[in-house]
Amino acid sequence: MDERLAVLRALCSDGPDGQTRTAIPRLAVMRWQQPDRAPAADHEATITLVLQGSRTLSVGDDVLRFGPASCLVTSMDRPAAGSVSPESDGRAYLALSLTLDPQIVEAVMCEAEPAKSRPQTPGTAPDAPVNLEMLDAWARLLRLRGCPADIPMLAPGYEREIIYRALLGPQGPLLCAIATPDRAYARIRRSIQQIRTRFAQPLAVAELAHAASLSPSAFHRQFKAVTTLSPVQFQKHLRLLRARSVLVASGAGVAAVGREVGYDNVSQFTREYARLFGLPPATDRNRIKRELGTHPTGVATFRDTQ
């Protein structure tokens, strides 16, 4: 295991800090020399392999930590606050990220007999260590950076192998959820998109339930099953993740940022912000800016939550 990790680290350790897209479709290399506490507001479904350092995600009440040789699957259904950390000896955080194409995931799932029998209810998966076969598949895909002419022919097969092996692991149900938009929770995912689009506006849960052809109680139950959060909690997380991004990227005052994301009461905004991120808005902004002062490329990781 250590030998294969060393190979993967050597293949991607010489790049710049930040997230670097490669010539291989949907594959990116992530490298952070300094700790980064930007919110992980993912626009796309991804599968990430941590090679060095660690990544932490807070999704609702769950706090998940992923160390070297572990995979995590993320999707836009779960707004998450998170951080990445280098090794204690100063070696940079290194990871590979593969953006998931739902059609490819569905094709692999349909052809893979063991994956067909998996439970189809998504949830928050624990730390998912990988096996040697998974590491070998990632290494074959990453080596194609040195053989551009081989990418069109070989990359699709390696990508499918990575997805197949992930489907067999503890995060398989999340992959199944990404691949099967026609299942029962598809209506919940449409509601999620509506909340994302109008996250700063008052939340009309009854209207969302009616649009999903569900009773309010059934809607609440199914929404929480998909996202691990209630609709109100989901909206709150979106608002606060967006607020943190605006606070760091602009010089706007705390009250103005609170109003921008839907809070009329600055005290409530400050209280809920501190509950999620551990510090009041102004203090958190100052701390992040001090850290980013020694690592300015980190600003780019504050992404819009819409």
Protein backbone atom coordinates (compact mmCIF):
# COMPACT_ATOMS: atom_id res chain seq x y z
CA MET A 1 0.00 0.00 0.00
CA ASP A 2 2.72 2.49 0.99
CA GLU A 3 4.65 1.75 -2.20
CA ARG A 4 1.63 2.48 -4.40
CA LEU A 5 0.86 5.66 -2.49
CA ALA A 6 4.47 6.77 -2.98
CA VAL A 7 4.11 6.25 -6.74
CA LEU A 8 0.94 8.36 -6.87
CA ARG A 9 2.48 11.11 -4.75
CA ALA A 10 5.51 11.25 -7.03
CA LEU A 11 3.26 11.60 -10.07
CA CYS A 12 1.49 14.71 -8.74
CA SER A 13 3.72 16.34 -6.11
CA ASP A 14 5.46 18.88 -8.35
CA GLY A 15 2.46 21.00 -9.38
CA PRO A 16 1.30 24.40 -8.12
CA ASP A 17 -0.83 24.90 -5.05
CA GLY A 18 -4.55 24.74 -5.61
CA GLN A 19 -6.69 22.57 -7.87
CA THR A 20 -5.13 21.87 -11.28
CA ARG A 21 -7.17 20.39 -14.10
CA THR A 22 -5.31 17.84 -16.21
CA ALA A 23 -5.57 16.89 -19.89
CA ILE A 24 -7.37 13.74 -18.76
CA PRO A 25 -11.13 14.43 -18.87
CA ARG A 26 -12.65 15.20 -15.45
CA LEU A 27 -9.39 14.56 -13.54
CA ALA A 28 -7.80 17.22 -11.31
CA VAL A 29 -4.81 17.25 -8.96
CA MET A 30 -5.14 19.10 -5.64
CA ARG A 31 -2.15 20.32 -3.67
CA TRP A 32 -2.13 22.53 -0.56
CA GLN A 33 1.08 23.38 1.26
CA GLN A 34 -0.77 25.33 3.96
CA PRO A 35 -3.95 24.43 5.85
CA ASP A 36 -7.05 25.58 3.99
CA ARG A 37 -10.36 26.11 5.77
CA ALA A 38 -12.45 27.16 2.80
CA PRO A 39 -15.98 25.79 2.67
CA ALA A 40 -16.42 22.76 0.48
CA ALA A 41 -19.43 23.89 -1.53
CA ASP A 42 -19.33 21.40 -4.35
CA HIS A 43 -21.04 22.18 -7.65
CA GLU A 44 -20.41 18.72 -9.07
CA ALA A 45 -20.38 15.14 -7.92
CA THR A 46 -16.81 13.98 -7.41
CA ILE A 47 -14.77 11.09 -6.12
CA THR A 48 -11.58 12.15 -4.35
CA LEU A 49 -8.58 10.02 -3.40
CA VAL A 50 -6.51 11.51 -0.56
CA LEU A 51 -2.80 10.75 -1.00
CA GLN A 52 -1.18 12.86 1.69
CA GLY A 53 -2.45 15.00 4.56
CA SER A 54 -6.13 14.90 5.45
CA ARG A 55 -9.51 16.36 4.55
CA THR A 56 -12.35 16.98 6.99
CA LEU A 57 -16.01 17.47 6.07
CA SER A 58 -18.83 18.56 8.35
CA VAL A 59 -22.19 17.57 6.87
CA GLY A 60 -25.02 18.36 9.23
CA ASP A 61 -24.15 16.70 12.54
CA ASP A 62 -21.61 14.37 10.95
CA VAL A 63 -17.89 15.18 10.97
CA LEU A 64 -15.89 12.95 8.62
CA ARG A 65 -12.10 12.78 8.36
CA PHE A 66 -10.34 11.28 5.36
CA GLY A 67 -6.63 10.47 5.58
CA PRO A 68 -4.16 8.98 3.08
CA ALA A 69 -5.44 6.06 1.00
CA SER A 70 -9.10 6.88 1.56
CA CYS A 71 -11.76 7.93 -0.91
CA LEU A 72 -14.73 10.20 -0.48
CA VAL A 73 -17.69 10.79 -2.73
CA THR A 74 -19.34 14.22 -2.64
CA SER A 75 -22.38 15.56 -4.43
CA MET A 76 -24.25 18.82 -4.70
CA ASP A 77 -26.99 17.37 -2.47
CA ARG A 78 -24.97 17.99 0.69
CA PRO A 79 -23.70 21.48 1.53
CA ALA A 80 -20.59 20.95 3.62
CA ALA A 81 -18.07 22.96 5.55
CA GLY A 82 -14.62 21.47 5.45
CA SER A 83 -10.87 21.86 5.55
CA VAL A 84 -7.70 20.30 4.22
CA SER A 85 -4.49 19.91 6.21
CA PRO A 86 -0.91 19.02 5.21
CA GLU A 87 1.08 16.37 7.04
CA SER A 88 2.48 17.30 10.45
CA ASP A 89 6.00 17.17 8.97
CA GLY A 90 5.13 19.90 6.45
CA ARG A 91 4.46 17.76 3.39
CA ALA A 92 1.63 19.21 1.31
CA TYR A 93 -1.92 17.90 1.20
CA LEU A 94 -2.20 15.90 -2.02
CA ALA A 95 -5.34 14.44 -3.57
CA LEU A 96 -6.82 13.40 -6.90
CA SER A 97 -10.35 14.42 -7.84
CA LEU A 98 -12.46 12.82 -10.55
CA THR A 99 -15.66 14.63 -11.54
CA LEU A 100 -18.37 12.04 -11.96
CA ASP A 101 -20.44 11.81 -15.11
CA PRO A 102 -23.80 10.33 -13.98
CA GLN A 103 -24.24 8.53 -17.31
CA ILE A 104 -20.89 6.78 -16.95
CA VAL A 105 -21.63 5.85 -13.34
CA GLU A 106 -25.02 4.47 -14.35
CA ALA A 107 -23.49 2.45 -17.20
CA VAL A 108 -20.93 0.90 -14.86
CA MET A 109 -23.58 0.21 -12.23
CA CYS A 110 -25.85 -1.51 -14.75
CA GLU A 111 -23.04 -3.76 -15.97
CA ALA A 112 -21.60 -4.58 -12.53
CA GLU A 113 -23.62 -7.41 -11.00
CA PRO A 114 -22.38 -6.90 -7.39
CA ALA A 115 -23.27 -3.21 -7.54
CA LYS A 116 -26.84 -3.90 -8.68
CA SER A 117 -27.71 -5.57 -5.40
CA ARG A 118 -26.52 -2.71 -3.20
CA PRO A 119 -29.11 -0.75 -1.17
CA GLN A 120 -30.06 2.35 -3.16
CA THR A 121 -30.65 4.74 -0.24
CA PRO A 122 -27.85 7.32 -0.06
CA GLY A 123 -26.38 8.41 3.23
CA THR A 124 -23.27 9.90 4.73
CA ALA A 125 -20.55 7.27 4.30
CA PRO A 126 -17.73 6.77 6.79
CA ASP A 127 -14.05 6.97 5.97
CA ALA A 128 -13.61 4.65 2.97
CA PRO A 129 -10.12 3.13 2.77
CA VAL A 130 -9.10 1.88 -0.65
CA ASN A 131 -7.51 -1.40 -1.68
CA LEU A 132 -4.48 -2.05 -3.87
CA GLU A 133 -6.60 -2.55 -6.97
CA MET A 134 -8.18 0.88 -6.55
CA LEU A 135 -4.77 2.53 -6.12
CA ASP A 136 -3.47 0.76 -9.22
CA ALA A 137 -6.42 2.06 -11.27
CA TRP A 138 -5.77 5.63 -10.13
CA ALA A 139 -2.06 5.23 -10.95
CA ARG A 140 -2.79 3.99 -14.47
CA LEU A 141 -5.12 6.93 -15.05
CA LEU A 142 -2.64 9.47 -13.69
CA ARG A 143 0.29 8.09 -15.72
CA LEU A 144 -1.58 9.05 -18.89
CA ARG A 145 -0.51 12.65 -18.20
CA GLY A 146 2.83 11.61 -19.64
CA CYS A 147 1.24 9.90 -22.68
CA PRO A 148 -1.32 12.36 -24.10
CA ALA A 149 -1.85 10.33 -27.26
CA ASP A 150 -3.10 7.40 -25.17
CA ILE A 151 -5.70 9.39 -23.23
CA PRO A 152 -8.68 9.01 -25.63
CA MET A 153 -8.23 5.24 -25.85
CA LEU A 154 -7.22 4.27 -22.31
CA ALA A 155 -8.64 6.89 -19.93
CA PRO A 156 -12.30 5.78 -20.25
CA GLY A 157 -11.45 2.24 -19.16
CA TYR A 158 -9.41 3.36 -16.15
CA GLU A 159 -12.16 5.80 -15.15
CA ARG A 160 -14.75 3.02 -15.29
CA GLU A 161 -12.55 0.77 -13.15
CA ILE A 162 -12.24 3.47 -10.46
CA ILE A 163 -16.01 3.93 -10.43
CA TYR A 164 -16.60 0.17 -10.33
CA ARG A 165 -14.33 -0.34 -7.34
CA ALA A 166 -15.89 2.62 -5.54
CA LEU A 167 -19.36 1.18 -6.15
CA LEU A 168 -18.33 -1.93 -4.24
CA GLY A 169 -17.19 0.09 -1.22
CA PRO A 170 -19.06 1.83 1.61
CA GLN A 171 -19.78 4.90 -0.53
CA GLY A 172 -21.42 2.84 -3.27
CA PRO A 173 -24.96 4.00 -2.33
CA LEU A 174 -23.93 7.62 -2.88
CA LEU A 175 -22.64 6.73 -6.35
CA CYS A 176 -25.89 4.91 -7.07
CA ALA A 177 -27.84 7.99 -6.04
CA ILE A 178 -25.80 10.15 -8.42
CA ALA A 179 -26.38 7.70 -11.26
CA THR A 180 -30.12 7.13 -10.93
CA PRO A 181 -32.04 10.41 -11.17
CA ASP A 182 -35.25 8.58 -12.09
CA ARG A 183 -35.68 7.02 -8.65
CA ALA A 184 -38.02 8.18 -5.89
CA TYR A 185 -35.70 10.79 -4.46
CA ALA A 186 -35.38 12.55 -7.84
CA ARG A 187 -38.22 14.84 -6.72
CA ILE A 188 -36.21 15.75 -3.62
CA ARG A 189 -33.19 16.58 -5.73
CA ARG A 190 -35.31 18.96 -7.81
CA SER A 191 -36.38 20.61 -4.55
CA ILE A 192 -32.73 20.90 -3.57
CA GLN A 193 -32.01 22.77 -6.77
CA GLN A 194 -34.90 25.13 -6.09
CA ILE A 195 -33.56 25.90 -2.61
CA ARG A 196 -30.07 26.49 -4.01
CA THR A 197 -31.42 28.91 -6.58
CA ARG A 198 -33.43 30.89 -4.03
CA PHE A 199 -31.50 30.24 -0.82
CA ALA A 200 -31.70 33.89 0.34
CA GLN A 201 -35.49 33.96 0.08
CA PRO A 202 -37.97 32.74 2.74
CA LEU A 203 -38.33 28.96 2.57
CA ALA A 204 -41.81 27.71 1.69
CA VAL A 205 -41.55 24.06 2.70
CA ALA A 206 -45.24 23.41 2.06
CA GLU A 207 -44.90 24.64 -1.53
CA LEU A 208 -41.83 22.46 -2.10
CA ALA A 209 -43.67 19.45 -0.71
CA HIS A 210 -46.67 20.13 -2.95
CA ALA A 211 -44.40 20.46 -6.02
CA ALA A 212 -42.83 17.12 -5.10
CA SER A 213 -46.31 15.53 -4.73
CA LEU A 214 -45.57 14.68 -1.10
CA SER A 215 -47.18 15.54 2.20
CA PRO A 216 -45.09 17.96 4.31
CA SER A 217 -44.15 15.17 6.74
CA ALA A 218 -43.15 12.77 3.94
CA PHE A 219 -41.23 15.53 2.18
CA HIS A 220 -39.33 16.38 5.37
CA ARG A 221 -38.51 12.71 5.98
CA GLN A 222 -37.32 12.03 2.43
CA PHE A 223 -35.40 15.30 2.23
CA LYS A 224 -33.46 14.40 5.36
CA ALA A 225 -32.80 10.89 4.03
CA VAL A 226 -31.16 12.36 0.92
CA THR A 227 -29.28 15.28 2.46
CA THR A 228 -28.93 14.31 6.16
CA LEU A 229 -30.43 17.77 6.88
CA SER A 230 -33.94 19.15 7.23
CA PRO A 231 -34.98 21.66 4.52
CA VAL A 232 -34.49 24.54 6.98
CA GLN A 233 -31.04 23.28 8.01
CA PHE A 234 -30.08 22.80 4.36
CA GLN A 235 -31.02 26.38 3.50
CA LYS A 236 -29.20 27.66 6.59
CA HIS A 237 -26.00 25.86 5.59
CA LEU A 238 -26.21 27.30 2.07
CA ARG A 239 -26.70 30.80 3.45
CA LEU A 240 -23.79 30.56 5.88
CA LEU A 241 -21.40 28.98 3.35
CA ARG A 242 -22.24 31.78 0.92
CA ALA A 243 -21.81 34.38 3.67
CA ARG A 244 -18.35 33.07 4.53
CA SER A 245 -17.33 33.26 0.88
CA VAL A 246 -18.57 36.87 0.55
CA LEU A 247 -16.96 37.95 3.83
CA VAL A 248 -13.53 36.78 2.71
CA ALA A 249 -13.79 37.94 -0.90
CA SER A 250 -15.16 41.43 -0.19
CA GLY A 251 -14.90 44.24 2.31
CA ALA A 252 -18.63 44.24 3.07
CA GLY A 253 -19.74 44.58 6.67
CA VAL A 254 -21.20 41.71 8.66
CA ALA A 255 -24.75 43.12 8.67
CA ALA A 256 -24.68 43.73 4.90
CA VAL A 257 -23.46 40.21 4.21
CA GLY A 258 -26.13 38.80 6.50
CA ARG A 259 -28.83 40.68 4.61
CA GLU A 260 -27.41 39.52 1.27
CA VAL A 261 -27.84 35.87 2.23
CA GLY A 262 -31.28 36.31 3.77
CA TYR A 263 -30.78 37.33 7.42
CA ASP A 264 -32.65 40.44 8.56
CA ASN A 265 -31.44 40.01 12.13
CA VAL A 266 -27.67 40.48 12.47
CA SER A 267 -27.64 38.88 15.94
CA GLN A 268 -29.23 35.71 14.59
CA PHE A 269 -26.80 35.70 11.66
CA THR A 270 -23.80 36.09 13.97
CA ARG A 271 -25.05 33.41 16.34
CA GLU A 272 -25.74 30.82 13.63
CA TYR A 273 -22.50 31.62 11.80
CA ALA A 274 -20.48 31.05 14.98
CA ARG A 275 -22.34 27.82 15.68
CA LEU A 276 -21.34 26.41 12.26
CA PHE A 277 -17.81 27.78 11.89
CA GLY A 278 -16.72 28.16 15.51
CA LEU A 279 -16.13 31.93 15.41
CA PRO A 280 -18.25 35.07 14.85
CA PRO A 281 -18.21 36.36 11.23
CA ALA A 282 -15.73 39.24 11.66
CA THR A 283 -13.32 37.17 13.75
CA ASP A 284 -13.52 34.26 11.31
CA ARG A 285 -12.87 36.56 8.35
CA ASN A 286 -9.81 38.09 10.01
CA ARG A 287 -8.42 34.66 10.89
CA ILE A 288 -8.91 33.32 7.36
CA LYS A 289 -7.35 36.40 5.80
CA ARG A 290 -4.32 36.08 8.06
CA GLU A 291 -3.90 32.48 6.96
CA LEU A 292 -4.47 33.29 3.30
CA GLY A 293 -1.92 36.09 3.56
CA THR A 294 0.76 33.45 3.54
CA HIS A 295 -1.11 31.38 0.97
CA PRO A 296 -2.97 33.76 -1.40
CA THR A 297 -4.01 31.09 -3.89
CA GLY A 298 -6.37 29.76 -1.24
CA VAL A 299 -8.85 32.56 -2.00
CA ALA A 300 -9.80 30.74 -5.19
CA THR A 301 -11.25 27.87 -3.17
CA PHE A 302 -14.09 30.01 -1.82
CA ARG A 303 -16.70 29.00 -4.33
CA ASP A 304 -20.23 30.15 -4.93
CA THR A 305 -22.80 27.84 -3.38
CA GLN A 306 -25.37 28.41 -6.09
